[in-house]
Protein backbone atom coordinates (compact mmCIF):
# COMPACT_ATOMS: atom_id res chain seq x y z
CA MET A 1 -28.85 28.42 -27.34
CA LEU A 2 -30.90 27.16 -30.83
CA THR A 3 -33.14 24.39 -30.65
CA PRO A 4 -30.55 21.45 -30.71
CA ASP A 5 -30.41 18.46 -33.01
CA TYR A 6 -30.97 16.09 -30.45
CA PHE A 7 -32.24 15.92 -27.05
CA TYR A 8 -29.80 13.40 -25.68
CA VAL A 9 -26.55 12.75 -27.66
CA ILE A 10 -24.83 9.15 -26.75
CA VAL A 11 -21.24 8.95 -27.48
CA GLY A 12 -20.37 5.36 -28.59
CA GLY A 13 -22.42 2.86 -29.36
CA GLY A 14 -20.78 -0.36 -27.19
CA LEU A 15 -22.30 -2.21 -24.32
CA ALA A 16 -23.09 1.25 -21.85
CA GLY A 17 -24.67 3.38 -25.50
CA LEU A 18 -26.43 0.81 -26.66
CA GLN A 19 -28.23 -0.43 -23.46
CA LEU A 20 -28.91 3.44 -22.70
CA ALA A 21 -30.47 4.14 -26.30
CA ALA A 22 -32.29 1.20 -25.84
CA GLU A 23 -33.85 1.63 -22.48
CA ILE A 24 -34.39 5.46 -23.24
CA SER A 25 -36.56 4.20 -26.13
CA GLN A 26 -38.94 1.54 -24.18
CA ASP A 27 -40.03 4.41 -21.64
CA VAL A 28 -42.98 6.58 -22.90
CA PHE A 29 -41.52 8.78 -20.76
CA PHE A 30 -39.04 9.78 -23.15
CA LYS A 31 -41.06 9.77 -25.94
CA GLY A 32 -40.64 12.40 -28.56
CA LYS A 33 -37.18 13.14 -27.60
CA LYS A 34 -34.71 12.32 -30.60
CA ILE A 35 -31.70 10.32 -29.66
CA ALA A 36 -28.86 10.18 -31.28
CA VAL A 37 -25.94 7.43 -30.95
CA VAL A 38 -22.23 8.55 -32.75
CA GLU A 39 -19.74 5.14 -33.34
CA PRO A 40 -17.17 5.17 -35.67
CA SER A 41 -18.03 1.16 -36.10
CA GLU A 42 -20.35 0.02 -37.66
CA LYS A 43 -20.29 -3.10 -34.86
CA LEU A 44 -21.04 -6.18 -37.55
CA GLN A 45 -18.48 -8.09 -35.89
CA ASN A 46 -18.17 -10.39 -33.21
CA ASP A 47 -15.21 -8.16 -30.79
CA LYS A 48 -15.43 -9.55 -27.81
CA THR A 49 -17.62 -11.53 -25.22
CA TRP A 50 -19.55 -10.48 -21.85
CA CYS A 51 -19.91 -13.26 -18.92
CA TYR A 52 -22.48 -12.30 -15.57
CA TRP A 53 -23.79 -14.44 -12.75
CA GLU A 54 -27.65 -14.00 -12.36
CA ASN A 55 -30.32 -15.71 -9.89
CA GLY A 56 -32.97 -16.73 -12.25
CA GLY A 57 -33.81 -15.61 -16.14
CA ALA A 58 -34.28 -12.17 -17.17
CA LYS A 59 -33.91 -9.64 -20.79
CA TRP A 60 -30.70 -11.16 -21.84
CA ASP A 61 -31.77 -15.00 -21.86
CA ASP A 62 -32.53 -15.05 -25.68
CA ILE A 63 -29.02 -13.99 -26.73
CA VAL A 64 -27.56 -16.29 -24.22
CA HIS A 65 -24.71 -17.95 -26.02
CA HIS A 66 -24.26 -20.64 -23.21
CA LYS A 67 -24.75 -20.91 -19.52
CA TRP A 68 -23.00 -22.81 -16.89
CA ALA A 69 -24.62 -24.78 -13.25
CA TYR A 70 -20.92 -25.40 -11.29
CA THR A 71 -17.38 -23.72 -11.19
CA TYR A 72 -14.13 -24.87 -10.69
CA PHE A 73 -11.25 -23.34 -9.08
CA ASN A 74 -8.07 -24.52 -9.12
CA THR A 75 -4.23 -24.13 -8.02
CA PRO A 76 -1.43 -26.45 -7.36
CA GLU A 77 -2.34 -27.16 -3.98
CA ILE A 78 -6.22 -27.78 -4.36
CA SER A 79 -9.24 -28.27 -6.73
CA GLU A 80 -12.60 -27.17 -5.83
CA LYS A 81 -16.10 -27.51 -7.55
CA PHE A 82 -18.76 -25.29 -6.46
CA ASP A 83 -22.71 -25.36 -7.70
CA LEU A 84 -23.84 -22.22 -8.35
CA GLY A 85 -27.03 -22.57 -6.35
CA PRO A 86 -29.85 -19.88 -7.73
CA TYR A 87 -27.75 -18.49 -9.86
CA ARG A 88 -26.28 -19.41 -13.50
CA TYR A 89 -23.05 -18.00 -15.16
CA LYS A 90 -23.74 -16.46 -18.31
CA MET A 91 -22.11 -15.86 -21.34
CA VAL A 92 -23.10 -13.02 -24.51
CA ARG A 93 -21.36 -12.46 -27.71
CA SER A 94 -21.44 -9.18 -28.47
CA ILE A 95 -22.93 -9.26 -32.17
CA ASP A 96 -25.62 -10.98 -31.04
CA PHE A 97 -26.11 -7.99 -28.35
CA TYR A 98 -25.60 -5.52 -30.79
CA GLU A 99 -27.85 -6.91 -33.52
CA LYS A 100 -30.60 -7.54 -30.54
CA ILE A 101 -30.05 -3.96 -29.55
CA LYS A 102 -30.40 -2.70 -33.20
CA ASP A 103 -33.46 -4.84 -34.04
CA LEU A 104 -35.30 -3.56 -31.09
CA LEU A 105 -33.98 0.45 -32.30
CA GLN A 106 -34.87 -0.26 -35.77
CA ASP A 107 -38.23 0.97 -36.12
CA SER A 108 -37.73 3.53 -33.52
CA PRO A 109 -38.75 7.34 -35.03
CA ASP A 110 -36.54 8.76 -32.18
CA VAL A 111 -33.09 7.03 -32.01
CA PHE A 112 -30.53 7.83 -34.94
CA PHE A 113 -27.43 5.66 -35.65
CA ILE A 114 -24.67 7.92 -37.02
CA ASN A 115 -20.76 6.64 -37.74
CA ASP A 116 -18.68 9.12 -37.00
CA GLU A 117 -16.18 9.53 -34.01
CA ILE A 118 -16.40 12.35 -31.68
CA GLU A 119 -13.33 14.24 -31.45
CA LYS A 120 -14.37 17.09 -28.75
CA ILE A 121 -17.71 18.33 -26.90
CA ASP A 122 -17.92 22.00 -26.21
CA LEU A 123 -20.02 21.88 -22.80
CA VAL A 124 -20.79 26.08 -23.59
CA THR A 125 -22.32 25.75 -26.95
CA ARG A 126 -23.10 22.27 -25.71
CA THR A 127 -21.65 20.89 -29.24
CA ALA A 128 -20.37 17.59 -29.82
CA ILE A 129 -17.52 17.82 -32.58
CA GLY A 130 -17.38 15.02 -34.65
CA LYS A 131 -14.67 13.86 -37.67
CA ASN A 132 -17.57 14.28 -40.24
CA LYS A 133 -20.41 16.84 -38.77
CA THR A 134 -21.01 18.63 -35.48
CA TYR A 135 -24.06 18.05 -33.17
CA THR A 136 -26.19 19.62 -30.66
CA ALA A 137 -27.86 18.72 -27.52
CA THR A 138 -29.13 19.31 -24.37
CA HIS A 139 -27.27 16.53 -22.70
CA PHE A 140 -24.54 14.35 -23.66
CA PHE A 141 -23.65 10.66 -22.59
CA ASP A 142 -20.10 10.06 -22.85
CA SER A 143 -18.58 6.79 -23.30
CA ARG A 144 -14.98 8.10 -24.13
CA LEU A 145 -12.14 6.94 -22.22
CA HIS A 146 -9.91 9.69 -20.18
CA GLU A 147 -6.36 9.25 -19.54
CA ALA A 148 -6.25 10.64 -16.48
CA TYR A 149 -6.38 7.81 -14.27
CA LYS A 150 -3.51 6.40 -15.57
CA THR A 151 -0.94 8.96 -13.75
CA SER A 152 -3.30 9.42 -11.13
CA ASP A 153 -1.34 9.35 -7.68
CA ARG A 154 -4.40 9.04 -5.22
CA THR A 155 -5.85 6.01 -6.69
CA SER A 156 -5.04 2.64 -7.57
CA LEU A 157 -4.64 0.79 -10.88
CA ILE A 158 -4.13 -2.67 -12.42
CA TYR A 159 -4.64 -4.05 -15.63
CA GLN A 160 -6.83 -7.43 -16.40
CA HIS A 161 -5.59 -8.56 -19.29
CA PHE A 162 -6.07 -11.38 -21.32
CA LYS A 163 -6.06 -13.69 -24.63
CA GLY A 164 -8.33 -15.84 -25.47
CA LEU A 165 -8.62 -19.13 -27.52
CA LEU A 166 -11.88 -20.55 -29.00
CA ILE A 167 -10.66 -24.23 -29.68
CA GLU A 168 -12.24 -27.52 -30.94
CA THR A 169 -10.48 -31.01 -29.80
CA GLU A 170 -10.60 -34.22 -31.14
CA LYS A 171 -11.40 -35.68 -28.15
CA ALA A 172 -14.36 -34.84 -25.50
CA VAL A 173 -11.88 -32.92 -22.77
CA PHE A 174 -14.27 -30.03 -21.23
CA ASP A 175 -17.58 -30.44 -18.93
CA PRO A 176 -20.12 -27.79 -20.91
CA GLU A 177 -21.69 -27.53 -17.17
CA ALA A 178 -18.82 -26.24 -15.39
CA PHE A 179 -16.65 -23.64 -16.32
CA THR A 180 -13.30 -22.62 -14.66
CA MET A 181 -13.50 -19.71 -12.82
CA MET A 182 -9.70 -19.12 -11.72
CA ASP A 183 -7.26 -22.14 -12.68
CA TYR A 184 -3.39 -21.36 -10.76
CA ARG A 185 -1.45 -24.74 -12.10
CA ILE A 186 -0.13 -22.22 -14.76
CA SER A 187 1.88 -19.29 -13.32
CA TYR A 188 4.46 -16.56 -14.58
CA GLN A 189 7.10 -14.86 -12.00
CA ASN A 190 4.83 -14.18 -8.99
CA LYS A 191 2.15 -12.53 -11.05
CA THR A 192 -1.79 -12.48 -10.01
CA CYS A 193 -2.50 -14.75 -13.31
CA PHE A 194 -4.74 -17.86 -14.05
CA THR A 195 -6.11 -19.70 -17.18
CA TYR A 196 -10.42 -18.81 -17.34
CA VAL A 197 -12.08 -21.76 -19.22
CA LEU A 198 -15.84 -21.44 -20.74
CA PRO A 199 -16.77 -24.99 -22.39
CA PHE A 200 -19.59 -24.69 -24.53
CA SER A 201 -19.70 -28.74 -25.57
CA GLU A 202 -17.43 -31.56 -24.16
CA LYS A 203 -15.10 -30.88 -27.52
CA LYS A 204 -15.11 -26.93 -27.55
CA ALA A 205 -14.36 -24.16 -25.36
CA LEU A 206 -12.85 -20.70 -24.73
CA VAL A 207 -9.52 -21.13 -23.14
CA GLU A 208 -8.86 -17.55 -21.69
CA PHE A 209 -5.09 -16.64 -20.25
CA THR A 210 -5.70 -13.54 -17.80
CA PHE A 211 -2.87 -11.74 -16.17
CA PHE A 212 -4.65 -8.99 -12.63
CA THR A 213 -0.94 -6.63 -12.83
CA PRO A 214 -0.21 -3.09 -12.71
CA ASP A 215 1.69 -3.90 -16.25
CA MET A 216 1.37 -5.19 -19.37
CA SER A 217 2.84 -8.63 -20.92
CA GLY A 218 4.05 -9.09 -24.87
CA SER A 219 1.74 -11.24 -26.66
CA GLU A 220 4.68 -14.20 -26.74
CA GLU A 221 3.89 -14.44 -23.38
CA TYR A 222 0.14 -15.42 -23.45
CA ASP A 223 0.88 -17.55 -26.44
CA GLU A 224 3.40 -19.49 -24.59
CA LEU A 225 1.13 -19.99 -21.33
CA LEU A 226 -2.02 -20.94 -23.40
CA GLU A 227 0.23 -23.05 -24.68
CA GLN A 228 1.42 -24.70 -21.45
CA TYR A 229 -2.21 -25.05 -20.34
CA LEU A 230 -3.20 -27.17 -23.51
CA ARG A 231 -0.46 -29.34 -23.27
CA LYS A 232 0.37 -29.62 -19.39
CA VAL A 233 -3.05 -29.42 -17.64
CA LEU A 234 -5.62 -30.39 -20.45
CA LEU A 235 -3.12 -32.95 -21.93
CA LEU A 236 -4.06 -32.31 -25.65
CA LYS A 237 -1.42 -32.89 -27.98
CA GLU A 238 -3.66 -31.14 -30.94
CA TRP A 239 -6.60 -28.21 -30.94
CA GLN A 240 -7.85 -26.21 -33.66
CA VAL A 241 -7.99 -22.53 -33.34
CA LEU A 242 -11.34 -21.11 -34.18
CA GLU A 243 -11.26 -17.74 -32.84
CA THR A 244 -8.98 -15.49 -31.36
CA GLU A 245 -9.83 -12.85 -28.82
CA LYS A 246 -7.82 -10.00 -26.55
CA GLY A 247 -8.34 -7.36 -24.44
CA VAL A 248 -7.46 -5.06 -21.50
CA ILE A 249 -9.79 -3.95 -18.52
CA PRO A 250 -8.72 -1.43 -16.65
CA MET A 251 -9.45 -1.84 -12.84
CA THR A 252 -9.19 1.16 -10.82
CA ASN A 253 -11.18 3.16 -8.16
CA TYR A 254 -10.55 6.19 -9.91
CA PRO A 255 -13.62 8.69 -9.45
CA PHE A 256 -14.37 9.02 -13.10
CA GLU A 257 -17.66 10.35 -11.80
CA LYS A 258 -15.86 13.61 -10.99
CA GLU A 259 -15.68 14.27 -14.62
CA ASN A 260 -19.91 14.89 -15.30
CA SER A 261 -21.18 18.33 -15.77
CA ALA A 262 -24.53 19.63 -15.66
CA TYR A 263 -24.82 18.92 -19.75
CA LEU A 264 -22.38 15.60 -19.48
CA THR A 265 -22.57 12.57 -18.21
CA LYS A 266 -19.56 9.82 -18.12
CA ILE A 267 -20.91 6.24 -18.73
CA GLY A 268 -19.80 2.65 -19.00
CA THR A 269 -16.07 2.00 -18.17
CA ALA A 270 -15.45 6.32 -18.62
CA GLY A 271 -17.90 6.54 -16.22
CA GLY A 272 -16.59 3.89 -13.57
CA TRP A 273 -19.34 1.06 -14.20
CA VAL A 274 -16.68 -1.72 -14.46
CA LYS A 275 -16.57 -2.86 -11.48
CA ALA A 276 -13.08 -2.05 -10.06
CA SER A 277 -12.31 -5.57 -8.14
CA SER A 278 -13.68 -7.81 -10.83
CA GLY A 279 -13.23 -6.48 -14.12
CA TYR A 280 -17.11 -6.94 -14.80
CA SER A 281 -19.38 -4.75 -16.40
CA PHE A 282 -22.32 -6.22 -17.92
CA LYS A 283 -24.96 -6.41 -15.12
CA ASN A 284 -23.19 -3.42 -13.93
CA THR A 285 -24.06 -1.36 -16.64
CA GLU A 286 -27.61 -2.33 -16.43
CA LYS A 287 -28.24 -1.57 -13.00
CA LYS A 288 -26.35 1.78 -13.76
CA ILE A 289 -28.71 2.71 -16.24
CA GLN A 290 -31.53 1.65 -14.45
CA LYS A 291 -30.59 4.18 -11.96
CA LEU A 292 -29.23 6.66 -14.06
CA ILE A 293 -32.93 6.61 -15.93
CA GLU A 294 -34.85 6.95 -12.28
CA ASN A 295 -32.84 9.63 -12.00
CA ILE A 296 -33.94 11.66 -14.86
CA LYS A 297 -37.52 11.21 -14.39
CA SER A 298 -37.16 12.19 -10.92
CA GLY A 299 -35.59 15.71 -11.93
CA TYR A 300 -31.81 14.51 -10.55
CA HIS A 301 -28.68 14.59 -12.68
CA PRO A 302 -28.60 11.34 -14.17
CA GLY A 303 -25.16 10.60 -12.96
CA LYS A 304 -26.42 11.30 -9.09
CA ASP A 305 -25.37 8.07 -6.66
CA LEU A 306 -24.08 6.21 -9.21
CA ILE A 307 -21.06 4.97 -7.29
CA ASN A 308 -21.27 3.03 -4.09
CA LYS A 309 -19.12 4.66 -1.88
CA LYS A 310 -18.32 2.07 0.48
CA PHE A 311 -17.61 -1.18 -1.74
CA ARG A 312 -15.53 1.69 -3.74
CA LYS A 313 -13.32 1.72 -0.71
CA PHE A 314 -13.35 -2.09 -0.61
CA ASP A 315 -12.01 -2.26 -4.17
CA ALA A 316 -9.41 0.76 -3.56
CA ILE A 317 -8.00 -1.35 -0.88
CA PHE A 318 -7.90 -4.65 -2.38
CA LEU A 319 -6.68 -2.81 -5.68
CA ASP A 320 -3.82 -1.27 -3.91
CA VAL A 321 -2.62 -4.82 -2.09
CA LEU A 322 -2.75 -6.18 -5.73
CA MET A 323 -0.68 -3.45 -7.09
CA ARG A 324 1.91 -3.20 -4.15
CA ARG A 325 2.49 -7.18 -3.53
CA ASN A 326 1.33 -8.80 -7.22
CA ASP A 327 2.83 -11.84 -5.79
CA LEU A 328 -0.56 -12.43 -3.10
CA GLY A 329 -3.16 -12.50 -6.12
CA LYS A 330 -2.98 -16.45 -5.55
CA GLY A 331 -3.23 -16.74 -2.02
CA LEU A 332 -5.99 -14.42 -1.64
CA PHE A 333 -8.44 -15.73 -4.30
CA GLN A 334 -7.77 -18.68 -2.75
CA LYS A 335 -8.75 -18.11 0.59
CA LEU A 336 -11.99 -15.78 -1.13
CA TYR A 337 -13.49 -18.90 -2.86
CA THR A 338 -12.49 -21.45 0.41
CA LYS A 339 -13.77 -19.81 3.30
CA ASN A 340 -16.80 -18.37 1.50
CA GLU A 341 -19.99 -19.52 -0.22
CA ILE A 342 -19.75 -18.96 -3.98
CA THR A 343 -23.47 -17.24 -3.51
CA ASP A 344 -21.83 -14.81 -0.77
CA ILE A 345 -19.31 -13.95 -3.18
CA PHE A 346 -21.43 -13.15 -6.19
CA ARG A 347 -23.55 -11.05 -3.69
CA PHE A 348 -20.55 -9.17 -2.39
CA LEU A 349 -19.24 -8.14 -5.86
CA ASP A 350 -22.99 -7.08 -6.83
CA GLU A 351 -22.53 -4.65 -4.02
CA GLU A 352 -26.03 -6.28 -2.06
CA THR A 353 -24.08 -7.45 0.77
CA THR A 354 -24.69 -6.36 4.65
CA ALA A 355 -22.34 -4.98 6.66
CA SER A 356 -21.80 -7.98 8.36
CA GLU A 357 -21.47 -10.22 5.56
CA ASN A 358 -18.90 -7.65 4.24
CA ARG A 359 -16.56 -8.10 7.25
CA LYS A 360 -16.95 -11.81 7.17
CA ILE A 361 -15.83 -11.78 3.54
CA MET A 362 -12.94 -8.78 3.72
CA PHE A 363 -11.74 -11.05 7.43
CA SER A 364 -11.42 -14.08 5.04
CA MET A 365 -8.77 -12.95 3.02
CA TYR A 366 -6.67 -11.34 5.55
CA HIS A 367 -3.22 -10.82 4.68
CA ARG A 368 -1.21 -7.76 6.84
CA GLU A 369 -0.79 -6.02 3.46
CA PHE A 370 -4.38 -5.30 3.78
CA LEU A 371 -4.05 -3.58 7.21
CA LYS A 372 -1.04 -1.16 5.08
CA SER A 373 -3.59 -0.57 2.63
CA PHE A 374 -6.37 -0.14 4.35
CA PHE A 375 -4.55 2.66 6.52
CA ARG A 376 -3.35 4.08 3.05
CA LYS A 377 -6.95 4.82 1.83
CA LEU A 378 -8.48 6.71 4.53
């Protein structure tokens, strides 16, 4: 082929695409290699928030909007407050992330931001075909989500879908040092659903109603359940809504990495980088990109060994249980949080636990449905 326009084309300028562009640009190994980040949106608004837990300080602390040292877990039967120990739960607003990465890359002679939407990638000619132009490259990093995961009969799928309200109250009702991981005191039709609360001050918080279900809910259901929580649990009579956010995250063990090829690597949600059993992606993305870059520098395909198959199996079993018996969610999470140390749960979700620790956590949630799912996923 003729000399390509770019060494790498990154399709999508979201979390994964921008983190990847930033890491490549900061590594001398890639100096002189032109990179295009092709994204239809200019990313000028705060369109989402990301949360993650972390032991110690790290590279994103300058844009952390708030962090918490404690968490609550509530059901109609119990109310627990956990000390996160050396961990802190941190929140980043997407607009702050976008601005940080763009500021970092604005003077780079090797990174080019292009507003366009890629409709197809022709791997024979190594050309990304956009609505406005075409772009050739030696390799493509593609964050477009393929719809095949929705119809696969060999994998499990539930959706994390939610609506959140950033509210301000007249009276002090929140503890700004403690967030609520899950509150099951408001429920809906025996489904796995809970309220998630991120307080920023005694009078301001993001209150989000979240479902982990095989199907979706209507907008009026989110609104009704959020109002129930604000009135019946927080005992509020009035509040001001400052912002709203909605989202849908697929939680699946679908093998997205099988779409990789010699000249293409799927990234982000499209690469299976979202933790299937929790929906968390921010720190997962950072880890995957570190491994991806190590692969390139070692002469391997960028996507080599990005997925831990052992933990994917754990995720598959858990998702299968919730997909078939969604009514069990509250009980399973109650066992998880009351029978394990919160730091061990974080390490398990970070895929850092040993075999014996894995067994302890899995057995702590035991239900006969797990045995059925185990054999289905062999």
